[in-house]
Amino acid sequence: MKKLFLFAAILFIAFPAFAQDNQEEDYNYSDISVIGRLDLNPYYSLSPNKLSFSHANSALYTVFEGRKTEHFSYIVINHWIHAGGDYGWPYTSLGRSDTTNWLDFCNMTFSFSNWDFTVGKDMLNAGTFEYEDWDWDVHYSFTSALWNSLPAYQWGIKAAYTFNSENTTLSAQMTTSPYGERPFASNLWQWSARWDGQYGWFSNKWGVSYIQGLDRNDILITLGNRFTINDYLTLDLDWNTYCGNTIMAKCQYTPSDKWSWKLKASYASVDLGPEEDILKGFRVGVDADYYPLKESDRMRLFASFVYDGVTDVLNFNAGIRYNLLIHIR
């Protein structure tokens, strides 16, 4: 397995140079994005009565991505600063796979006809619409235990096949295990298969994963379903079995390119282990996104209000996210 990734690293360096003689203008670009997010998050605990404050999902990211030919693309996403979570200072966990660190994505994709082959650090191939948003666009106070507790960025390989109709994609992935302390030294792995479909008013992201651990092996089922009512209204229904069961429902109303409103509800019964609390209860909330720049989503203003029945907390969050995009060529 190590030899495979060494070979992939050599390709990552050599292929762009080789591609210079084969590229078309439309397939030759490189972009850098600097993405900053600031959250203001007062929250009130009902038992005991206590008002607290945090900066929630405040963070700084960079994204380096590009394409050299129609057959080769790459992306590197670094997570430099974060206000909280298990990687408040993301450099302390370098070289680990059982937590998140400063390197989220680092992979390259080779595309040939209906096939895409991805090698490097990528997100686990879980089938859920919760994973659809980038981390800097997530409404943090309504994320599930799957998003919060499972280190989703792992080193591995993935193959995906898209049918000629372009509405069905089947993929398989093998990565290092998020239960292993060291990516390769632990010799623990994750295998997954996923079906992505778009069939008119119905879309799905269905996946199953087998995750190896030192003291247990888990089967993770993730079923994401989206129902498109009309051009403005969609309904998402997600279910995952990470350490129990979580069901999430979201009704999204998008009347224009400027605004997006969401009503959300979820129920979780999750046991993260002997040293963690059992998470069981309902959660309900509403959130809004506003894009003030003309014909651009580079700036996003957001707010959410959530009652978390699991922790008995009222949570209000508001903030801003800005994406500074630099075209290299």
Protein backbone atom coordinates (compact mmCIF):
# COMPACT_ATOMS: atom_id res chain seq x y z
CA MET A 1 0.00 0.00 0.00
CA LYS A 2 2.86 2.40 0.79
CA LYS A 3 4.39 1.69 -2.62
CA LEU A 4 1.09 2.59 -4.23
CA PHE A 5 1.05 6.01 -2.57
CA LEU A 6 4.72 6.60 -3.39
CA PHE A 7 3.91 5.89 -7.02
CA ALA A 8 0.92 8.25 -6.80
CA ALA A 9 3.13 11.01 -5.38
CA ILE A 10 5.57 10.64 -8.29
CA LEU A 11 2.66 10.86 -10.73
CA PHE A 12 1.37 13.96 -8.96
CA ILE A 13 4.70 15.71 -9.63
CA ALA A 14 5.42 14.32 -13.07
CA PHE A 15 2.02 14.30 -14.73
CA PRO A 16 1.51 18.11 -14.90
CA ALA A 17 4.83 18.51 -16.71
CA PHE A 18 3.94 15.76 -19.16
CA ALA A 19 0.51 17.30 -19.69
CA GLN A 20 1.87 20.64 -20.90
CA ASP A 21 2.25 19.20 -24.40
CA ASN A 22 -1.23 17.66 -24.40
CA GLN A 23 -3.44 20.25 -22.81
CA GLU A 24 -6.29 22.22 -24.27
CA GLU A 25 -6.91 25.79 -23.20
CA ASP A 26 -10.17 24.93 -21.44
CA TYR A 27 -8.42 22.36 -19.28
CA ASN A 28 -5.45 24.38 -18.06
CA TYR A 29 -6.02 26.42 -14.93
CA SER A 30 -4.90 26.73 -11.33
CA ASP A 31 -6.74 28.63 -8.59
CA ILE A 32 -5.97 29.52 -5.00
CA SER A 33 -8.75 30.40 -2.58
CA VAL A 34 -8.30 31.89 0.88
CA ILE A 35 -11.49 31.28 2.86
CA GLY A 36 -12.16 32.90 6.20
CA ARG A 37 -15.17 32.32 8.41
CA LEU A 38 -16.15 34.16 11.62
CA ASP A 39 -18.94 32.86 13.91
CA LEU A 40 -20.57 34.60 16.87
CA ASN A 41 -22.26 31.91 18.93
CA PRO A 42 -24.10 32.72 22.18
CA TYR A 43 -25.84 29.66 23.63
CA TYR A 44 -28.02 29.13 26.68
CA SER A 45 -28.08 25.93 28.72
CA LEU A 46 -31.48 25.26 30.28
CA SER A 47 -30.15 22.80 32.85
CA PRO A 48 -28.45 24.40 34.62
CA ASN A 49 -29.39 27.91 33.54
CA LYS A 50 -26.21 29.33 32.07
CA LEU A 51 -25.35 31.67 29.21
CA SER A 52 -22.11 31.01 27.34
CA PHE A 53 -20.35 32.17 24.19
CA SER A 54 -18.05 30.68 21.57
CA HIS A 55 -16.74 31.32 18.07
CA ALA A 56 -18.17 27.94 16.93
CA ASN A 57 -16.92 27.08 13.43
CA SER A 58 -14.65 30.13 12.90
CA ALA A 59 -11.74 29.04 10.72
CA LEU A 60 -9.22 29.86 8.00
CA TYR A 61 -8.74 27.62 4.96
CA THR A 62 -6.79 27.65 1.74
CA VAL A 63 -7.74 25.72 -1.40
CA PHE A 64 -5.31 25.02 -4.21
CA GLU A 65 -6.97 23.32 -7.15
CA GLY A 66 -6.57 23.02 -10.87
CA ARG A 67 -6.72 20.97 -14.02
CA LYS A 68 -4.01 20.26 -16.57
CA THR A 69 -5.95 18.31 -19.19
CA GLU A 70 -9.43 16.91 -19.45
CA HIS A 71 -7.96 13.76 -17.88
CA PHE A 72 -6.17 15.19 -14.82
CA SER A 73 -7.20 17.43 -11.92
CA TYR A 74 -5.99 18.00 -8.37
CA ILE A 75 -7.00 19.67 -5.11
CA VAL A 76 -5.23 20.51 -1.83
CA ILE A 77 -7.23 21.96 1.08
CA ASN A 78 -5.45 23.16 4.22
CA HIS A 79 -7.16 23.95 7.49
CA TRP A 80 -4.91 26.51 9.16
CA ILE A 81 -6.88 27.81 12.16
CA HIS A 82 -10.04 26.65 13.87
CA ALA A 83 -11.86 28.04 16.88
CA GLY A 84 -12.84 24.76 18.49
CA GLY A 85 -13.43 21.04 18.17
CA ASP A 86 -10.73 18.40 18.43
CA TYR A 87 -8.41 20.37 16.16
CA GLY A 88 -8.48 23.87 17.61
CA TRP A 89 -4.76 23.94 16.86
CA PRO A 90 -4.66 21.59 13.85
CA TYR A 91 -0.89 21.10 13.72
CA THR A 92 -0.77 19.00 16.90
CA SER A 93 -2.24 15.96 15.12
CA LEU A 94 0.06 15.71 12.13
CA GLY A 95 0.56 12.12 10.99
CA ARG A 96 -2.58 10.82 12.69
CA SER A 97 -5.69 9.36 11.11
CA ASP A 98 -7.93 9.14 14.19
CA THR A 99 -8.48 12.89 14.31
CA THR A 100 -8.61 15.84 11.93
CA ASN A 101 -5.51 17.93 11.24
CA TRP A 102 -4.38 20.83 9.06
CA LEU A 103 -4.54 18.82 5.79
CA ASP A 104 -8.09 17.97 4.73
CA PHE A 105 -7.77 17.14 1.03
CA CYS A 106 -4.68 16.28 -1.00
CA ASN A 107 -5.57 14.22 -4.04
CA MET A 108 -5.49 13.94 -7.80
CA THR A 109 -8.12 12.54 -10.14
CA PHE A 110 -7.53 10.80 -13.46
CA SER A 111 -10.58 10.80 -15.76
CA PHE A 112 -10.98 8.54 -18.77
CA SER A 113 -14.29 8.18 -20.59
CA ASN A 114 -16.84 7.19 -17.91
CA TRP A 115 -14.23 6.48 -15.23
CA ASP A 116 -12.70 8.66 -12.51
CA PHE A 117 -9.81 7.41 -10.36
CA THR A 118 -8.86 9.45 -7.28
CA VAL A 119 -5.66 8.88 -5.29
CA GLY A 120 -4.64 10.70 -2.10
CA LYS A 121 -6.38 12.20 0.91
CA ASP A 122 -10.10 12.44 0.35
CA MET A 123 -13.40 12.42 2.22
CA LEU A 124 -14.88 9.09 3.21
CA ASN A 125 -17.32 7.83 0.60
CA ALA A 126 -20.36 8.09 2.86
CA GLY A 127 -23.76 8.50 1.27
CA THR A 128 -25.31 11.49 2.98
CA PHE A 129 -26.33 14.98 1.91
CA GLU A 130 -24.85 16.28 5.18
CA TYR A 131 -21.40 15.82 3.60
CA GLU A 132 -22.46 17.85 0.55
CA ASP A 133 -21.47 21.24 2.03
CA TRP A 134 -17.85 22.25 2.45
CA ASP A 135 -16.77 22.56 6.09
CA TRP A 136 -16.71 26.36 5.84
CA ASP A 137 -20.39 26.41 4.80
CA VAL A 138 -21.78 24.01 7.41
CA HIS A 139 -24.26 25.23 10.03
CA TYR A 140 -22.21 23.85 12.88
CA SER A 141 -24.91 23.74 15.59
CA PHE A 142 -27.00 21.24 13.60
CA THR A 143 -24.33 18.73 12.58
CA SER A 144 -24.68 15.04 13.45
CA ALA A 145 -22.30 12.79 15.40
CA LEU A 146 -21.14 11.41 12.04
CA TRP A 147 -19.94 14.88 10.97
CA ASN A 148 -18.62 15.84 14.40
CA SER A 149 -16.93 12.69 15.66
CA LEU A 150 -15.76 10.53 12.72
CA PRO A 151 -12.49 11.81 11.13
CA ALA A 152 -13.70 11.91 7.54
CA TYR A 153 -10.46 12.81 5.72
CA GLN A 154 -8.37 9.72 5.01
CA TRP A 155 -5.65 8.53 2.62
CA GLY A 156 -6.82 6.13 -0.04
CA ILE A 157 -7.99 5.37 -3.55
CA LYS A 158 -11.40 5.60 -5.18
CA ALA A 159 -12.85 4.47 -8.50
CA ALA A 160 -16.13 5.90 -9.84
CA TYR A 161 -18.10 4.98 -12.94
CA THR A 162 -20.75 7.31 -14.42
CA PHE A 163 -23.25 5.78 -16.83
CA ASN A 164 -23.79 7.34 -20.24
CA SER A 165 -27.09 8.80 -19.06
CA GLU A 166 -25.02 10.82 -16.53
CA ASN A 167 -27.67 10.38 -13.86
CA THR A 168 -26.09 7.40 -12.07
CA THR A 169 -22.61 7.08 -10.56
CA LEU A 170 -21.31 4.02 -8.74
CA SER A 171 -18.10 4.27 -6.71
CA ALA A 172 -15.86 2.14 -4.49
CA GLN A 173 -13.20 3.36 -2.09
CA MET A 174 -10.43 1.98 0.12
CA THR A 175 -8.78 4.26 2.70
CA THR A 176 -6.95 4.25 5.98
CA SER A 177 -9.28 3.69 8.91
CA PRO A 178 -10.49 6.64 11.01
CA TYR A 179 -10.14 4.29 13.99
CA GLY A 180 -6.40 3.81 13.44
CA GLU A 181 -3.93 6.05 15.26
CA ARG A 182 -1.42 6.19 12.37
CA PRO A 183 -2.53 6.11 8.73
CA PHE A 184 -0.49 3.12 7.55
CA ALA A 185 1.37 1.82 10.62
CA SER A 186 -1.95 0.89 12.24
CA ASN A 187 -2.72 -1.45 9.31
CA LEU A 188 -6.44 -0.69 9.66
CA TRP A 189 -8.59 0.11 6.64
CA GLN A 190 -11.97 1.34 5.48
CA TRP A 191 -13.82 0.01 2.44
CA SER A 192 -16.97 1.57 1.04
CA ALA A 193 -19.36 1.49 -1.90
CA ARG A 194 -21.76 4.23 -2.92
CA TRP A 195 -24.58 4.89 -5.38
CA ASP A 196 -25.27 8.50 -6.43
CA GLY A 197 -28.34 9.12 -8.57
CA GLN A 198 -30.32 12.01 -10.01
CA TYR A 199 -33.71 10.92 -11.31
CA GLY A 200 -35.85 13.98 -11.87
CA TRP A 201 -37.62 14.85 -8.62
CA PHE A 202 -35.63 12.28 -6.62
CA SER A 203 -31.88 12.14 -5.90
CA ASN A 204 -29.98 9.73 -3.69
CA LYS A 205 -26.59 9.25 -2.06
CA TRP A 206 -26.60 5.74 -0.61
CA GLY A 207 -23.48 4.19 0.85
CA VAL A 208 -22.19 1.34 2.98
CA SER A 209 -18.78 1.26 4.68
CA TYR A 210 -16.80 -1.37 6.55
CA ILE A 211 -14.41 0.23 9.07
CA GLN A 212 -11.70 -1.70 10.87
CA GLY A 213 -10.73 -0.87 14.45
CA LEU A 214 -8.42 -2.28 17.10
CA ASP A 215 -11.24 -3.64 19.24
CA ARG A 216 -14.18 -3.55 16.83
CA ASN A 217 -15.15 -3.53 13.17
CA ASP A 218 -18.11 -1.36 12.21
CA ILE A 219 -20.53 -1.38 9.32
CA LEU A 220 -21.69 2.17 8.57
CA ILE A 221 -24.85 2.63 6.51
CA THR A 222 -25.57 6.11 5.15
CA LEU A 223 -28.71 6.83 3.13
CA GLY A 224 -29.22 10.34 1.78
CA ASN A 225 -32.47 11.14 -0.06
CA ARG A 226 -33.51 14.39 -1.73
CA PHE A 227 -36.98 15.21 -3.04
CA THR A 228 -37.23 18.21 -5.36
CA ILE A 229 -40.71 19.73 -5.04
CA ASN A 230 -40.13 22.60 -7.50
CA ASP A 231 -37.41 25.06 -8.51
CA TYR A 232 -37.43 26.66 -5.06
CA LEU A 233 -38.23 23.88 -2.60
CA THR A 234 -36.37 20.67 -1.70
CA LEU A 235 -36.74 18.11 1.09
CA ASP A 236 -33.75 16.08 2.36
CA LEU A 237 -34.02 12.97 4.51
CA ASP A 238 -30.75 11.42 5.78
CA TRP A 239 -30.16 8.36 7.92
CA ASN A 240 -26.84 7.06 9.24
CA THR A 241 -25.89 4.28 11.64
CA TYR A 242 -22.71 5.79 13.10
CA CYS A 243 -22.55 4.49 16.70
CA GLY A 244 -26.32 4.12 16.72
CA ASN A 245 -28.96 5.81 14.59
CA THR A 246 -29.43 9.38 13.42
CA ILE A 247 -32.27 10.65 11.24
CA MET A 248 -32.09 14.17 9.83
CA ALA A 249 -34.74 16.07 7.85
CA LYS A 250 -34.28 19.40 6.08
CA CYS A 251 -36.74 21.51 4.10
CA GLN A 252 -34.91 24.14 2.03
CA TYR A 253 -36.57 27.14 0.37
CA THR A 254 -34.40 29.10 -2.10
CA PRO A 255 -36.49 31.90 -3.62
CA SER A 256 -33.50 33.54 -5.37
CA ASP A 257 -29.74 33.43 -5.77
CA LYS A 258 -29.52 35.79 -2.77
CA TRP A 259 -31.45 33.87 -0.12
CA SER A 260 -31.77 30.36 1.26
CA TRP A 261 -33.95 29.33 4.21
CA LYS A 262 -33.98 25.93 5.92
CA LEU A 263 -36.15 24.21 8.50
CA LYS A 264 -34.43 21.26 10.17
CA ALA A 265 -35.27 18.45 12.57
CA SER A 266 -33.37 15.38 13.70
CA TYR A 267 -33.45 12.49 16.13
CA ALA A 268 -30.33 10.75 17.39
CA SER A 269 -29.61 7.75 19.60
CA VAL A 270 -25.81 7.53 19.59
CA ASP A 271 -23.32 5.89 21.97
CA LEU A 272 -19.79 7.13 21.19
CA GLY A 273 -18.10 4.88 23.75
CA PRO A 274 -17.52 4.30 27.47
CA GLU A 275 -15.78 7.65 27.98
CA GLU A 276 -18.42 9.67 26.11
CA ASP A 277 -22.00 10.69 26.87
CA ILE A 278 -24.87 8.87 25.20
CA LEU A 279 -26.49 11.29 22.76
CA LYS A 280 -30.23 10.72 22.60
CA GLY A 281 -32.98 13.18 21.74
CA PHE A 282 -34.51 15.56 19.23
CA ARG A 283 -33.12 18.70 17.68
CA VAL A 284 -35.06 21.38 15.78
CA GLY A 285 -33.93 24.60 14.14
CA VAL A 286 -34.02 27.15 11.37
CA ASP A 287 -31.20 28.79 9.46
CA ALA A 288 -30.76 31.37 6.73
CA ASP A 289 -28.04 32.24 4.21
CA TYR A 290 -27.70 35.55 2.35
CA TYR A 291 -25.29 36.32 -0.51
CA PRO A 292 -24.94 40.13 -0.79
CA LEU A 293 -22.55 40.31 -3.77
CA LYS A 294 -24.04 40.54 -7.24
CA GLU A 295 -23.97 37.22 -9.13
CA SER A 296 -21.42 35.80 -6.69
CA ASP A 297 -21.37 33.50 -3.67
CA ARG A 298 -17.94 34.62 -2.46
CA MET A 299 -19.49 36.37 0.55
CA ARG A 300 -22.05 34.57 2.67
CA LEU A 301 -23.90 35.94 5.69
CA PHE A 302 -25.59 33.29 7.81
CA ALA A 303 -27.61 32.81 10.97
CA SER A 304 -29.23 29.87 12.75
CA PHE A 305 -31.36 29.19 15.80
CA VAL A 306 -31.44 25.65 17.18
CA TYR A 307 -32.93 23.91 20.19
CA ASP A 308 -30.80 20.86 21.01
CA GLY A 309 -32.85 18.41 23.05
CA VAL A 310 -29.83 16.13 23.45
CA THR A 311 -27.96 18.70 25.57
CA ASP A 312 -30.97 20.92 26.48
CA VAL A 313 -29.34 23.99 24.93
CA LEU A 314 -30.72 26.95 22.96
CA ASN A 315 -28.14 27.85 20.34
CA PHE A 316 -27.94 31.03 18.24
CA ASN A 317 -25.20 31.46 15.68
CA ALA A 318 -24.48 34.24 13.18
CA GLY A 319 -21.48 35.04 11.06
CA ILE A 320 -19.79 35.73 7.77
CA ARG A 321 -17.76 33.66 5.32
CA TYR A 322 -15.64 35.20 2.55
CA ASN A 323 -13.80 33.45 -0.28
CA LEU A 324 -10.87 35.36 -1.81
CA LEU A 325 -10.26 33.67 -5.17
CA ILE A 326 -6.94 34.11 -6.98
CA HIS A 327 -6.60 32.86 -10.56
CA ILE A 328 -3.02 31.78 -11.18
CA ARG A 329 -3.61 31.01 -14.87
